[in-house]
Protein backbone atom coordinates (compact mmCIF):
# COMPACT_ATOMS: atom_id res chain seq x y z
CA MET A 1 -17.33 35.58 -79.67
CA TYR A 2 -14.49 33.17 -81.20
CA CYS A 3 -14.34 31.96 -84.82
CA ALA A 4 -14.83 28.21 -85.09
CA ARG A 5 -12.55 28.30 -88.00
CA CYS A 6 -9.53 30.16 -87.10
CA GLY A 7 -9.97 30.66 -83.39
CA ALA A 8 -9.78 34.37 -83.70
CA LYS A 9 -11.73 36.75 -81.17
CA ASN A 10 -14.33 38.79 -82.58
CA PRO A 11 -16.65 41.67 -81.21
CA GLU A 12 -20.00 40.47 -79.70
CA LYS A 13 -22.95 40.44 -82.28
CA ALA A 14 -20.46 40.19 -85.23
CA LYS A 15 -21.86 38.14 -88.12
CA PHE A 16 -18.43 37.44 -89.91
CA CYS A 17 -15.04 36.86 -88.63
CA GLN A 18 -12.79 39.85 -89.04
CA LYS A 19 -9.73 37.65 -89.70
CA CYS A 20 -10.81 34.89 -92.04
CA GLY A 21 -14.30 36.11 -93.06
CA ALA A 22 -16.16 32.96 -92.00
CA ARG A 23 -19.81 33.15 -90.64
CA LEU A 24 -20.13 33.25 -86.91
CA THR A 25 -22.81 31.15 -85.32
CA TYR A 26 -24.24 31.45 -82.01
CA GLU A 27 -25.56 28.59 -79.60
CA VAL A 28 -28.97 29.28 -77.96
CA SER A 29 -30.11 27.37 -74.93
CA GLY A 30 -33.49 26.88 -73.44
CA ARG A 31 -34.60 28.46 -70.39
CA GLY A 32 -34.29 26.19 -67.23
CA GLY A 33 -36.30 25.88 -64.28
CA PHE A 34 -35.46 27.11 -60.70
CA LEU A 35 -33.95 23.65 -59.79
CA ASP A 36 -31.64 23.63 -62.74
CA LYS A 37 -29.82 26.62 -61.13
CA VAL A 38 -29.43 24.74 -57.84
CA PRO A 39 -26.09 22.67 -57.28
CA GLY A 40 -26.70 19.08 -57.45
CA PHE A 41 -30.16 19.07 -58.96
CA ARG A 42 -29.35 19.62 -62.48
CA SER A 43 -28.14 16.07 -63.13
CA ARG A 44 -30.78 14.43 -61.20
CA SER A 45 -33.86 12.80 -62.64
CA PRO A 46 -37.00 12.78 -60.55
CA TRP A 47 -36.69 8.98 -59.80
CA LYS A 48 -33.31 9.40 -58.37
CA MET A 49 -34.59 12.32 -56.24
CA VAL A 50 -37.13 9.85 -54.76
CA LEU A 51 -34.45 7.31 -54.08
CA ALA A 52 -32.28 9.69 -52.41
CA SER A 53 -35.32 11.11 -50.18
CA PHE A 54 -36.03 7.41 -49.35
CA GLY A 55 -32.50 6.75 -48.22
CA TYR A 56 -32.40 9.77 -45.99
CA VAL A 57 -35.62 8.48 -44.21
CA LEU A 58 -34.19 4.90 -44.03
CA ILE A 59 -30.93 6.36 -42.45
CA ALA A 60 -32.85 8.17 -39.79
CA VAL A 61 -35.20 5.15 -39.03
CA LEU A 62 -32.06 2.92 -38.66
CA ALA A 63 -30.25 5.58 -36.38
CA ILE A 64 -33.47 5.73 -34.15
CA TYR A 65 -33.57 2.10 -33.77
CA ILE A 66 -30.06 1.59 -32.85
CA ILE A 67 -30.28 4.37 -30.20
CA SER A 68 -33.41 2.70 -28.71
CA CYS A 69 -31.52 -0.49 -28.62
CA LEU A 70 -28.62 1.03 -26.88
CA LEU A 71 -30.66 3.03 -24.34
CA VAL A 72 -32.14 0.73 -21.49
CA ASP A 73 -34.61 1.69 -18.77
CA VAL A 74 -32.37 1.17 -15.69
CA ASP A 75 -34.35 1.05 -12.66
CA VAL A 76 -32.20 0.72 -9.37
CA SER A 77 -32.25 1.30 -5.65
CA LEU A 78 -29.13 2.49 -3.93
CA THR A 79 -28.07 2.15 -0.38
CA VAL A 80 -24.64 3.09 1.26
CA ASN A 81 -23.78 0.54 4.03
CA SER A 82 -20.71 2.33 5.38
CA ALA A 83 -18.16 4.91 4.41
CA TYR A 84 -14.66 5.15 5.66
CA ALA A 85 -11.69 7.63 5.24
CA LEU A 86 -8.23 5.95 4.58
CA ASP A 87 -4.88 7.37 4.03
CA SER A 88 -3.81 4.65 1.67
CA VAL A 89 -5.35 1.52 -0.14
CA VAL A 90 -2.74 -1.33 0.00
CA ASN A 91 0.33 0.50 -1.44
CA ASN A 92 -1.45 3.32 -3.17
CA THR A 93 -1.72 6.98 -1.75
CA PRO A 94 -4.33 9.47 -2.78
CA ASN A 95 -3.57 12.40 -5.19
CA ASN A 96 -6.17 14.35 -3.30
CA ASP A 97 -6.88 14.51 0.43
CA ARG A 98 -7.86 10.85 1.15
CA PHE A 99 -9.62 7.77 0.01
CA ILE A 100 -13.20 7.31 0.78
CA VAL A 101 -14.04 3.65 0.64
CA MET A 102 -17.85 2.95 0.43
CA ASN A 103 -19.64 -0.29 0.69
CA VAL A 104 -22.83 0.13 -1.19
CA THR A 105 -25.77 -2.12 -2.27
CA VAL A 106 -27.40 -1.65 -5.59
CA LYS A 107 -30.56 -3.40 -6.50
CA ASN A 108 -31.73 -3.99 -10.04
CA ASN A 109 -35.54 -3.50 -9.92
CA GLY A 110 -35.70 -4.50 -13.60
CA LYS A 111 -35.98 -7.80 -15.32
CA ASP A 112 -32.89 -7.68 -17.25
CA PRO A 113 -29.31 -7.76 -16.28
CA ILE A 114 -27.48 -4.72 -15.97
CA ARG A 115 -23.80 -3.66 -15.54
CA VAL A 116 -22.93 -0.76 -12.94
CA TYR A 117 -19.68 0.88 -13.48
CA ALA A 118 -17.66 2.87 -10.84
CA SER A 119 -17.84 5.75 -13.22
CA ASP A 120 -21.55 5.90 -13.05
CA PHE A 121 -21.47 7.37 -9.50
CA SER A 122 -20.94 10.97 -8.68
CA LEU A 123 -20.23 12.76 -5.37
CA LEU A 124 -22.06 15.88 -3.96
CA ARG A 125 -21.79 18.07 -1.09
CA GLU A 126 -24.15 21.00 -0.27
CA ASN A 127 -25.98 20.06 -3.51
CA GLU A 128 -22.93 20.68 -5.53
CA TYR A 129 -20.75 18.36 -7.72
CA MET A 130 -17.38 17.46 -6.21
CA ASP A 131 -14.09 17.11 -7.95
CA TYR A 132 -12.85 13.44 -7.46
CA SER A 133 -11.28 10.41 -9.13
CA ASN A 134 -12.42 6.98 -9.07
CA PHE A 135 -10.03 4.33 -7.91
CA TYR A 136 -10.39 0.78 -9.02
CA GLY A 137 -7.94 -1.93 -10.08
CA GLN A 138 -4.35 -0.59 -9.70
CA GLY A 139 -3.16 -3.90 -8.23
CA THR A 140 -6.39 -4.25 -6.07
CA ASP A 141 -9.53 -6.22 -6.28
CA ILE A 142 -11.70 -3.07 -6.35
CA PRO A 143 -14.10 -3.71 -9.33
CA GLU A 144 -14.50 -1.32 -12.21
CA SER A 145 -17.97 -2.70 -12.79
CA VAL A 146 -20.43 -5.32 -11.48
CA GLU A 147 -23.11 -7.35 -13.12
CA ILE A 148 -26.52 -7.46 -11.41
CA PRO A 149 -29.22 -10.01 -12.65
CA GLY A 150 -32.52 -8.73 -12.78
CA GLY A 151 -34.58 -8.48 -9.53
CA GLU A 152 -31.32 -9.14 -7.44
CA SER A 153 -28.82 -7.03 -5.37
CA ARG A 154 -25.05 -6.77 -5.25
CA SER A 155 -22.85 -5.17 -2.60
CA PHE A 156 -19.45 -4.01 -3.57
CA LEU A 157 -16.88 -1.41 -2.84
CA LEU A 158 -16.50 1.99 -4.43
CA VAL A 159 -13.37 4.06 -3.74
CA PHE A 160 -13.05 7.76 -4.42
CA ASP A 161 -9.91 9.78 -4.40
CA VAL A 162 -11.49 13.08 -3.10
CA GLU A 163 -10.82 16.08 -0.97
CA GLY A 164 -13.26 17.03 1.63
CA SER A 165 -16.25 15.07 2.87
CA PRO A 166 -19.24 14.15 0.36
CA GLU A 167 -22.74 14.06 1.63
CA ILE A 168 -24.66 12.44 -1.27
CA ILE A 169 -23.72 9.84 -3.95
CA GLU A 170 -25.48 9.78 -7.10
CA TYR A 171 -25.84 7.05 -9.68
CA THR A 172 -26.77 7.72 -13.51
CA SER A 173 -26.11 4.89 -16.03
CA ILE A 174 -24.58 5.67 -19.23
CA LEU A 175 -27.27 3.64 -20.93
CA ASP A 176 -30.06 5.58 -19.37
CA PRO A 177 -28.84 9.13 -19.39
CA LEU A 178 -32.55 10.53 -19.61
CA SER A 179 -33.81 9.15 -16.37
CA GLU A 180 -33.77 10.74 -13.07
CA PRO A 181 -30.52 10.20 -11.09
CA LYS A 182 -30.70 7.98 -8.17
CA ASN A 183 -29.36 9.42 -4.87
CA ALA A 184 -28.43 8.22 -1.52
CA GLY A 185 -27.15 9.67 1.64
CA ILE A 186 -23.60 8.83 2.64
CA GLY A 187 -23.96 9.58 6.45
CA SER A 188 -20.94 9.84 8.59
CA ILE A 189 -17.55 8.86 7.21
CA LYS A 190 -15.61 7.21 9.90
CA THR A 191 -11.84 6.81 10.44
CA ILE A 192 -10.44 3.48 11.52
CA PRO A 193 -10.95 2.50 14.39
CA SER A 194 -13.87 4.48 15.54
CA PRO A 195 -17.12 3.73 17.50
CA GLY A 196 -19.55 1.38 15.95
CA ILE A 197 -16.77 -0.91 14.39
CA TYR A 198 -16.76 -4.45 15.30
CA ALA A 199 -14.61 -7.48 14.37
CA ASN A 200 -15.35 -11.10 15.24
CA TYR A 201 -12.56 -13.62 15.77
CA LYS A 202 -12.29 -17.42 16.45
CA TRP A 203 -9.57 -19.12 18.43
CA ASP A 204 -8.76 -22.84 17.67
CA GLY A 205 -5.92 -24.45 19.62
CA THR A 206 -4.54 -27.26 21.75
CA VAL A 207 -3.20 -27.41 25.28
CA ASN A 208 -1.46 -30.57 26.64
CA ASN A 209 -2.90 -32.40 23.35
CA LYS A 210 -6.45 -31.30 24.28
CA THR A 211 -8.12 -29.18 21.77
CA TYR A 212 -10.55 -26.25 22.31
CA SER A 213 -12.27 -23.45 20.46
CA LEU A 214 -13.10 -19.94 21.51
CA LYS A 215 -15.04 -16.95 20.08
CA GLY A 216 -13.86 -13.33 20.45
CA ASN A 217 -16.31 -10.46 19.68
CA VAL A 218 -14.48 -7.03 19.54
CA THR A 219 -16.40 -3.68 19.74
CA TYR A 220 -15.49 -0.10 19.86
CA ARG A 221 -17.56 2.63 21.55
CA ASN A 222 -17.12 6.16 22.81
CA ALA A 223 -15.03 6.99 25.77
CA THR A 224 -14.30 10.32 27.65
CA ALA A 225 -11.99 13.12 26.20
CA GLY A 226 -12.21 11.98 22.54
CA ASN A 227 -10.95 8.44 23.18
CA ILE A 228 -12.61 5.07 22.39
CA GLU A 229 -13.03 1.91 24.30
CA GLU A 230 -11.99 -1.46 22.73
CA VAL A 231 -13.95 -4.28 24.32
CA ILE A 232 -13.16 -7.82 23.73
CA GLU A 233 -15.53 -10.47 24.90
CA ARG A 234 -14.56 -14.23 24.79
CA SER A 235 -16.69 -17.37 25.10
CA GLY A 236 -16.52 -21.18 24.23
CA GLU A 237 -15.15 -24.44 25.17
CA THR A 238 -13.47 -24.99 28.51
CA ILE A 239 -9.73 -25.19 28.38
CA TRP A 240 -8.60 -28.53 30.01
CA LEU A 241 -5.10 -28.49 31.45
CA SER A 242 -5.44 -32.08 32.65
CA SER A 243 -7.94 -34.53 33.06
CA GLU A 244 -9.12 -32.74 36.39
CA VAL A 245 -7.90 -29.23 36.05
CA TYR A 246 -9.49 -26.72 33.46
CA GLN A 247 -9.40 -22.98 32.88
CA GLU A 248 -12.57 -21.15 31.65
CA PRO A 249 -12.04 -18.39 28.91
CA ILE A 250 -11.46 -14.98 29.96
CA ALA A 251 -14.94 -13.40 29.82
CA SER A 252 -14.05 -10.06 28.72
CA GLN A 253 -11.39 -7.16 28.89
CA SER A 254 -11.17 -3.71 27.56
CA SER A 255 -8.82 -0.71 27.16
CA THR A 256 -9.29 2.84 26.39
CA PHE A 257 -7.01 4.87 23.98
CA ASP A 258 -6.68 7.66 21.48
CA PRO A 259 -7.97 6.39 18.04
CA GLU A 260 -5.40 8.40 16.14
CA THR A 261 -2.51 7.09 18.05
CA LEU A 262 -3.82 3.89 19.58
CA GLN A 263 -2.07 5.11 22.85
CA ASP A 264 -3.58 5.34 26.27
CA GLU A 265 -3.05 8.14 28.88
CA ASN A 266 0.28 6.66 29.89
CA GLY A 267 1.61 6.46 26.22
CA THR A 268 1.14 2.87 26.00
CA TYR A 269 -0.19 1.19 22.86
CA SER A 270 -3.21 -0.53 23.94
CA SER A 271 -5.16 -1.76 21.03
CA GLN A 272 -4.98 -5.47 20.65
CA CYS A 273 -6.51 -5.46 17.17
CA PHE A 274 -4.90 -2.64 15.37
CA PHE A 275 -1.48 -2.12 13.93
CA PRO A 276 0.64 0.67 15.72
CA ARG A 277 1.76 2.08 12.47
CA ASP A 278 3.05 5.18 13.98
CA ALA A 279 5.40 3.32 16.04
CA LEU A 280 6.42 0.31 13.92
CA THR A 281 7.49 2.02 10.62
CA ALA A 282 10.60 -0.06 9.70
CA PRO A 283 11.52 -3.70 10.17
CA GLY A 284 13.28 -4.10 13.49
CA ASP A 285 11.19 -1.60 15.53
CA SER A 286 9.54 -2.71 18.41
CA ILE A 287 7.12 -1.55 21.40
CA PRO A 288 6.46 -3.13 24.88
CA VAL A 289 3.61 -5.38 25.33
CA PHE A 290 1.60 -4.89 28.59
CA GLU A 291 -0.87 -6.96 30.50
CA ASN A 292 -2.65 -5.73 33.47
CA GLY A 293 -0.29 -2.80 33.54
CA GLU A 294 2.63 -4.98 33.69
CA GLU A 295 5.15 -5.21 30.84
CA VAL A 296 5.27 -8.91 29.70
CA GLY A 297 7.08 -8.95 26.22
CA THR A 298 7.74 -6.94 23.01
CA GLU A 299 6.24 -6.68 19.48
CA THR A 300 8.61 -6.23 16.63
CA LEU A 301 7.94 -5.35 13.27
CA GLU A 302 9.42 -8.35 10.97
CA GLY A 303 8.34 -6.86 7.45
CA SER A 304 5.35 -7.54 5.18
CA SER A 305 3.78 -10.69 3.43
CA THR A 306 0.77 -11.53 1.47
CA ILE A 307 -1.54 -14.10 3.05
CA ASP A 308 -4.67 -15.93 1.50
CA PHE A 309 -7.61 -14.76 3.54
CA MET A 310 -11.31 -14.99 2.98
CA GLY A 311 -10.81 -15.83 -0.59
CA LYS A 312 -8.46 -12.82 -1.13
CA LYS A 313 -5.03 -12.28 -1.37
CA VAL A 314 -4.21 -9.65 1.37
CA GLU A 315 -1.05 -7.53 1.90
CA CYS A 316 -0.17 -7.47 5.58
CA TRP A 317 2.36 -6.02 8.18
CA VAL A 318 4.06 -9.07 10.05
CA THR A 319 4.97 -8.70 13.58
CA LYS A 320 6.44 -11.03 16.42
CA ILE A 321 5.43 -10.96 19.87
CA GLU A 322 7.53 -12.67 22.54
CA GLY A 323 7.32 -12.74 26.24
CA ASN A 324 5.93 -14.41 29.26
CA GLY A 325 6.03 -17.90 27.59
CA VAL A 326 4.15 -16.69 24.43
CA ARG A 327 5.35 -16.47 20.96
CA GLU A 328 3.15 -15.15 18.18
CA THR A 329 3.24 -14.22 14.64
CA CYS A 330 0.31 -11.38 13.83
CA TYR A 331 -0.69 -10.34 10.49
CA TYR A 332 -2.39 -6.83 10.03
CA ASP A 333 -4.15 -5.73 6.95
CA LYS A 334 -1.97 -3.07 5.42
CA THR A 335 -4.94 -0.89 4.34
CA THR A 336 -6.91 -0.66 7.68
CA GLY A 337 -4.52 -1.95 10.29
CA LEU A 338 -7.06 -4.57 11.47
CA LEU A 339 -5.56 -7.79 12.75
CA LEU A 340 -6.36 -10.65 10.42
CA LYS A 341 -4.66 -13.63 11.73
CA VAL A 342 -2.40 -14.77 14.72
CA VAL A 343 -0.35 -18.03 14.92
CA GLY A 344 1.11 -18.82 18.37
CA THR A 345 2.55 -21.16 20.98
CA GLU A 346 2.59 -20.77 24.64
CA LYS A 347 3.91 -22.56 27.67
CA GLY A 348 3.60 -22.03 31.44
CA SER A 349 1.92 -23.33 34.62
CA ALA A 350 -1.76 -22.74 36.01
CA TYR A 351 -3.26 -24.26 39.06
CA GLY A 352 -0.11 -26.21 39.84
CA VAL A 353 -0.20 -27.91 36.25
CA SER A 354 2.51 -27.14 33.64
CA TYR A 355 1.08 -26.77 30.01
CA THR A 356 2.22 -26.15 26.16
CA GLY A 357 -0.04 -25.33 23.63
CA SER A 358 -0.50 -23.75 20.11
CA TYR A 359 -3.36 -21.79 18.50
CA THR A 360 -4.51 -19.98 15.59
CA ILE A 361 -6.66 -16.84 15.70
CA LEU A 362 -8.64 -15.78 12.42
CA LEU A 363 -10.76 -12.93 11.76
CA GLU A 364 -14.40 -14.20 10.69
CA ASN A 365 -16.10 -10.92 10.01
CA ALA A 366 -16.01 -7.36 10.45
CA ASN A 367 -17.83 -4.19 9.32
CA ILE A 368 -14.70 -2.50 7.86
CA PRO A 369 -13.48 -3.26 4.26
CA ILE A 370 -10.87 -5.94 3.62
CA ILE A 371 -9.21 -5.02 0.19
CA GLY A 372 -7.43 -7.73 -1.58
CA LEU A 373 -4.72 -7.77 -4.43
CA GLN A 374 -5.73 -8.37 -7.88
């Protein structure tokens, strides 16, 4: 107990200060309730407590409302149209084993538009999730996301950098994490070229100042000993060499080769539609060109170039073919190796008539992906 006058300390229950003799006084407080002993409640009046409780309820209601606005009932259907394994995409190489390029169709079964992201998809094998990374952008036109209006479908490319062969692709929207995932079987993952691939081309040309147009349908099917057969069927207008002499288009031709090397049993590069990447690795490299088993010219790698093609800018390998009166510049897609464009001139004689001509061959459609630059 301390003296109010001199501040000296005195024993408990002393009535007078031992130093100055002044009377000591004690302060007596009333007994508080339970809530007075609880931190934070001593200074609160009942109306403040009511307001605080109302504030907590209001915050909870607002949080529930915001979450309900963010979460959307995403109802989609998922289909995998094709899946191909690639060693590179334009000038990008995989960090894992390879790139898997899928053409998928997503249908929005709802009424409102949704945005589908590449990161919404997962890969499974033997019902286990696989390690992978998404590939989009990076100088290409592969999209990070696609908006799909209500009731409509969109087909687009998904690219995964993955080791191994996935069996199932799974879709879960970040805006609807509580719904069941949507799954689709991937099917066989094909290499390029392989059986089932097709490519359709169109020729437009002139011979002795007379125009003509041709169509060329290229298909691939299984052959013996693990080889594939490339079949080219042509049809179209008659090619007039003079007012009286004409030449019908070649109806069809085929060649058989190893899909990995593009070489036939004689070691000849036989594909007319795919770039011989193992043989032409640096500008100046060349390979012989054969026709009906006879060497008729050479194909030489000139370098690379970007061309405008099907509304895209596509990075291509560029080669020159010369021989037997033919000069061609060929453009092959760097990603798949598929022939996209040929610009050529020719001169010779047939049926006793000399001729000169020029032509352009363009890919019209194919069931393998064409990836453009961004």
